[in-house]
Amino acid sequence: MAMYQNMLVVIDPNQDDQPALRRAVYLHQRIGGKIKAFLPIYDFSYEMTTLLSPDERTAMRQGVISQRTDWIHEQAKYYLNAGVPIEIKVVWHNRPFEAIIQEVIRGGRELVLKMAHQHDRLGAVSFA
């Protein structure tokens, strides 16, 4: 088994169950290493609030980031209480894939774990 010591887990904001985080914890228990739970978020409606000043808009973004950080902490509570070191990072970025790539490069990540969604049409075409 490869020795991944620097793992990035991309959190799915639409689900409470986080299989990628569960897998990273499993790997951590087997081989050690650091886990960073990473969530890039963006909501265009916050950009369109023309009645707000730039400072108010920034404060709104920070509020959303703080809420999502707390949410991830709640999702990872069981692992954190068990002593698994998980760093949590939430960023505001309008292109999630770019934010993930930037984080991989910046943090020297060796492994990225992300939940995959099953698409019935693709499965029917690929495996029929």
C-alpha atoms as a PDB file:
ATOM      1  CA  MET A   1       0.000   0.000   0.000  1.00  0.00           C
ATOM      2  CA  ALA A   2       1.308   3.460  -0.886  1.00  0.00           C
ATOM      3  CA  MET A   3       2.295   5.697   2.007  1.00  0.00           C
ATOM      4  CA  TYR A   4       0.116   8.756   1.597  1.00  0.00           C
ATOM      5  CA  GLN A   5       1.017  11.221   4.320  1.00  0.00           C
ATOM      6  CA  ASN A   6      -0.814  14.303   3.070  1.00  0.00           C
ATOM      7  CA  MET A   7      -4.475  13.685   2.138  1.00  0.00           C
ATOM      8  CA  LEU A   8      -7.036  16.187   0.892  1.00  0.00           C
ATOM      9  CA  VAL A   9     -10.690  15.259   1.333  1.00  0.00           C
ATOM     10  CA  VAL A  10     -13.122  17.217  -0.819  1.00  0.00           C
ATOM     11  CA  ILE A  11     -16.333  17.614   1.163  1.00  0.00           C
ATOM     12  CA  ASP A  12     -19.698  17.293  -0.604  1.00  0.00           C
ATOM     13  CA  PRO A  13     -21.820  20.231   0.622  1.00  0.00           C
ATOM     14  CA  ASN A  14     -25.060  18.509  -0.406  1.00  0.00           C
ATOM     15  CA  GLN A  15     -24.742  15.485   1.873  1.00  0.00           C
ATOM     16  CA  ASP A  16     -24.410  14.818   5.554  1.00  0.00           C
ATOM     17  CA  ASP A  17     -22.743  11.458   4.897  1.00  0.00           C
ATOM     18  CA  GLN A  18     -19.150  11.955   3.742  1.00  0.00           C
ATOM     19  CA  PRO A  19     -17.751   8.698   2.297  1.00  0.00           C
ATOM     20  CA  ALA A  20     -14.514  10.393   1.200  1.00  0.00           C
ATOM     21  CA  LEU A  21     -13.836  11.519   4.770  1.00  0.00           C
ATOM     22  CA  ARG A  22     -14.631   8.052   6.055  1.00  0.00           C
ATOM     23  CA  ARG A  23     -12.128   6.574   3.576  1.00  0.00           C
ATOM     24  CA  ALA A  24      -9.445   9.082   4.572  1.00  0.00           C
ATOM     25  CA  VAL A  25      -9.916   8.189   8.241  1.00  0.00           C
ATOM     26  CA  TYR A  26      -9.620   4.511   7.323  1.00  0.00           C
ATOM     27  CA  LEU A  27      -6.333   5.211   5.523  1.00  0.00           C
ATOM     28  CA  HIS A  28      -5.121   7.339   8.437  1.00  0.00           C
ATOM     29  CA  GLN A  29      -5.771   4.464  10.841  1.00  0.00           C
ATOM     30  CA  ARG A  30      -3.773   2.094   8.618  1.00  0.00           C
ATOM     31  CA  ILE A  31      -0.832   4.243   7.505  1.00  0.00           C
ATOM     32  CA  GLY A  32      -1.039   7.544   9.397  1.00  0.00           C
ATOM     33  CA  GLY A  33      -0.748  10.879   7.681  1.00  0.00           C
ATOM     34  CA  LYS A  34      -2.530  14.215   7.767  1.00  0.00           C
ATOM     35  CA  ILE A  35      -6.113  14.812   6.666  1.00  0.00           C
ATOM     36  CA  LYS A  36      -7.461  18.125   5.457  1.00  0.00           C
ATOM     37  CA  ALA A  37     -11.228  18.377   4.925  1.00  0.00           C
ATOM     38  CA  PHE A  38     -11.662  20.955   2.166  1.00  0.00           C
ATOM     39  CA  LEU A  39     -14.821  22.656   0.937  1.00  0.00           C
ATOM     40  CA  PRO A  40     -14.842  25.274  -1.814  1.00  0.00           C
ATOM     41  CA  ILE A  41     -18.150  27.163  -1.753  1.00  0.00           C
ATOM     42  CA  TYR A  42     -19.730  29.864  -3.852  1.00  0.00           C
ATOM     43  CA  ASP A  43     -23.190  31.389  -4.001  1.00  0.00           C
ATOM     44  CA  PHE A  44     -23.783  33.807  -6.853  1.00  0.00           C
ATOM     45  CA  SER A  45     -26.710  35.402  -5.017  1.00  0.00           C
ATOM     46  CA  TYR A  46     -24.267  36.875  -2.503  1.00  0.00           C
ATOM     47  CA  GLU A  47     -22.421  38.577  -5.357  1.00  0.00           C
ATOM     48  CA  MET A  48     -25.620  40.121  -6.696  1.00  0.00           C
ATOM     49  CA  THR A  49     -26.548  41.986  -3.531  1.00  0.00           C
ATOM     50  CA  THR A  50     -25.898  45.469  -4.915  1.00  0.00           C
ATOM     51  CA  LEU A  51     -27.388  47.144  -1.865  1.00  0.00           C
ATOM     52  CA  LEU A  52     -24.489  45.978   0.262  1.00  0.00           C
ATOM     53  CA  SER A  53     -21.112  47.623   0.539  1.00  0.00           C
ATOM     54  CA  PRO A  54     -18.011  45.539  -0.267  1.00  0.00           C
ATOM     55  CA  ASP A  55     -17.318  45.229   3.471  1.00  0.00           C
ATOM     56  CA  GLU A  56     -20.844  43.943   4.115  1.00  0.00           C
ATOM     57  CA  ARG A  57     -20.508  41.472   1.246  1.00  0.00           C
ATOM     58  CA  THR A  58     -17.216  40.227   2.680  1.00  0.00           C
ATOM     59  CA  ALA A  59     -18.834  39.862   6.102  1.00  0.00           C
ATOM     60  CA  MET A  60     -21.666  37.834   4.543  1.00  0.00           C
ATOM     61  CA  ARG A  61     -19.155  35.540   2.831  1.00  0.00           C
ATOM     62  CA  GLN A  62     -17.256  35.095   6.088  1.00  0.00           C
ATOM     63  CA  GLY A  63     -20.530  34.225   7.807  1.00  0.00           C
ATOM     64  CA  VAL A  64     -21.264  31.512   5.242  1.00  0.00           C
ATOM     65  CA  ILE A  65     -17.699  30.183   5.505  1.00  0.00           C
ATOM     66  CA  SER A  66     -18.016  30.077   9.295  1.00  0.00           C
ATOM     67  CA  GLN A  67     -21.351  28.225   9.099  1.00  0.00           C
ATOM     68  CA  ARG A  68     -19.917  25.651   6.698  1.00  0.00           C
ATOM     69  CA  THR A  69     -16.802  25.211   8.846  1.00  0.00           C
ATOM     70  CA  ASP A  70     -19.021  24.496  11.850  1.00  0.00           C
ATOM     71  CA  TRP A  71     -21.067  22.061   9.737  1.00  0.00           C
ATOM     72  CA  ILE A  72     -17.953  20.124   8.678  1.00  0.00           C
ATOM     73  CA  HIS A  73     -16.745  20.091  12.278  1.00  0.00           C
ATOM     74  CA  GLU A  74     -20.090  18.543  13.251  1.00  0.00           C
ATOM     75  CA  GLN A  75     -19.762  15.937  10.455  1.00  0.00           C
ATOM     76  CA  ALA A  76     -16.248  15.045  11.635  1.00  0.00           C
ATOM     77  CA  LYS A  77     -17.053  15.210  15.367  1.00  0.00           C
ATOM     78  CA  TYR A  78     -16.905  11.443  15.875  1.00  0.00           C
ATOM     79  CA  TYR A  79     -13.472  11.203  14.239  1.00  0.00           C
ATOM     80  CA  LEU A  80     -12.131  14.284  16.024  1.00  0.00           C
ATOM     81  CA  ASN A  81     -13.311  12.961  19.401  1.00  0.00           C
ATOM     82  CA  ALA A  82     -11.569   9.664  18.615  1.00  0.00           C
ATOM     83  CA  GLY A  83      -8.292  11.555  18.189  1.00  0.00           C
ATOM     84  CA  VAL A  84      -8.080  11.632  14.393  1.00  0.00           C
ATOM     85  CA  PRO A  85      -6.398  14.919  13.457  1.00  0.00           C
ATOM     86  CA  ILE A  86      -8.509  16.587  10.769  1.00  0.00           C
ATOM     87  CA  GLU A  87      -7.780  20.103   9.575  1.00  0.00           C
ATOM     88  CA  ILE A  88     -10.851  21.886   8.207  1.00  0.00           C
ATOM     89  CA  LYS A  89     -10.655  24.511   5.500  1.00  0.00           C
ATOM     90  CA  VAL A  90     -13.526  26.266   3.712  1.00  0.00           C
ATOM     91  CA  VAL A  91     -12.833  28.767   0.930  1.00  0.00           C
ATOM     92  CA  TRP A  92     -15.014  31.056  -1.171  1.00  0.00           C
ATOM     93  CA  HIS A  93     -14.257  30.330  -4.829  1.00  0.00           C
ATOM     94  CA  ASN A  94     -16.464  30.519  -7.914  1.00  0.00           C
ATOM     95  CA  ARG A  95     -14.734  27.525  -9.552  1.00  0.00           C
ATOM     96  CA  PRO A  96     -14.549  24.595  -7.126  1.00  0.00           C
ATOM     97  CA  PHE A  97     -12.265  22.518  -9.352  1.00  0.00           C
ATOM     98  CA  GLU A  98      -9.723  25.357  -9.496  1.00  0.00           C
ATOM     99  CA  ALA A  99      -9.846  25.765  -5.720  1.00  0.00           C
ATOM    100  CA  ILE A 100      -9.149  22.042  -5.309  1.00  0.00           C
ATOM    101  CA  ILE A 101      -6.226  22.138  -7.749  1.00  0.00           C
ATOM    102  CA  GLN A 102      -4.775  25.210  -6.027  1.00  0.00           C
ATOM    103  CA  GLU A 103      -5.059  23.529  -2.627  1.00  0.00           C
ATOM    104  CA  VAL A 104      -3.361  20.368  -3.927  1.00  0.00           C
ATOM    105  CA  ILE A 105      -0.451  22.378  -5.321  1.00  0.00           C
ATOM    106  CA  ARG A 106      -0.174  24.726  -2.326  1.00  0.00           C
ATOM    107  CA  GLY A 107      -0.365  21.961   0.262  1.00  0.00           C
ATOM    108  CA  GLY A 108       1.698  19.325  -1.529  1.00  0.00           C
ATOM    109  CA  ARG A 109      -1.159  16.842  -1.318  1.00  0.00           C
ATOM    110  CA  GLU A 110      -0.329  13.283  -2.310  1.00  0.00           C
ATOM    111  CA  LEU A 111      -3.878  11.972  -2.430  1.00  0.00           C
ATOM    112  CA  VAL A 112      -7.239  13.616  -3.147  1.00  0.00           C
ATOM    113  CA  LEU A 113     -10.358  11.812  -1.980  1.00  0.00           C
ATOM    114  CA  LYS A 114     -13.695  12.945  -3.361  1.00  0.00           C
ATOM    115  CA  MET A 115     -17.125  11.400  -3.437  1.00  0.00           C
ATOM    116  CA  ALA A 116     -18.229  10.286  -6.905  1.00  0.00           C
ATOM    117  CA  HIS A 117     -21.828  10.552  -8.019  1.00  0.00           C
ATOM    118  CA  GLN A 118     -23.341   7.726 -10.015  1.00  0.00           C
ATOM    119  CA  HIS A 119     -25.035   8.784 -13.235  1.00  0.00           C
ATOM    120  CA  ASP A 120     -27.524   6.238 -14.573  1.00  0.00           C
ATOM    121  CA  ARG A 121     -27.265   7.364 -18.205  1.00  0.00           C
ATOM    122  CA  LEU A 122     -23.498   7.066 -18.279  1.00  0.00           C
ATOM    123  CA  GLY A 123     -23.670   3.667 -16.616  1.00  0.00           C
ATOM    124  CA  ALA A 124     -26.223   2.451 -19.141  1.00  0.00           C
ATOM    125  CA  VAL A 125     -24.018   3.576 -22.035  1.00  0.00           C
ATOM    126  CA  SER A 126     -20.746   2.338 -20.570  1.00  0.00           C
ATOM    127  CA  PHE A 127     -21.819  -1.036 -19.256  1.00  0.00           C
ATOM    128  CA  ALA A 128     -24.689  -2.112 -21.541  1.00  0.00           C
END
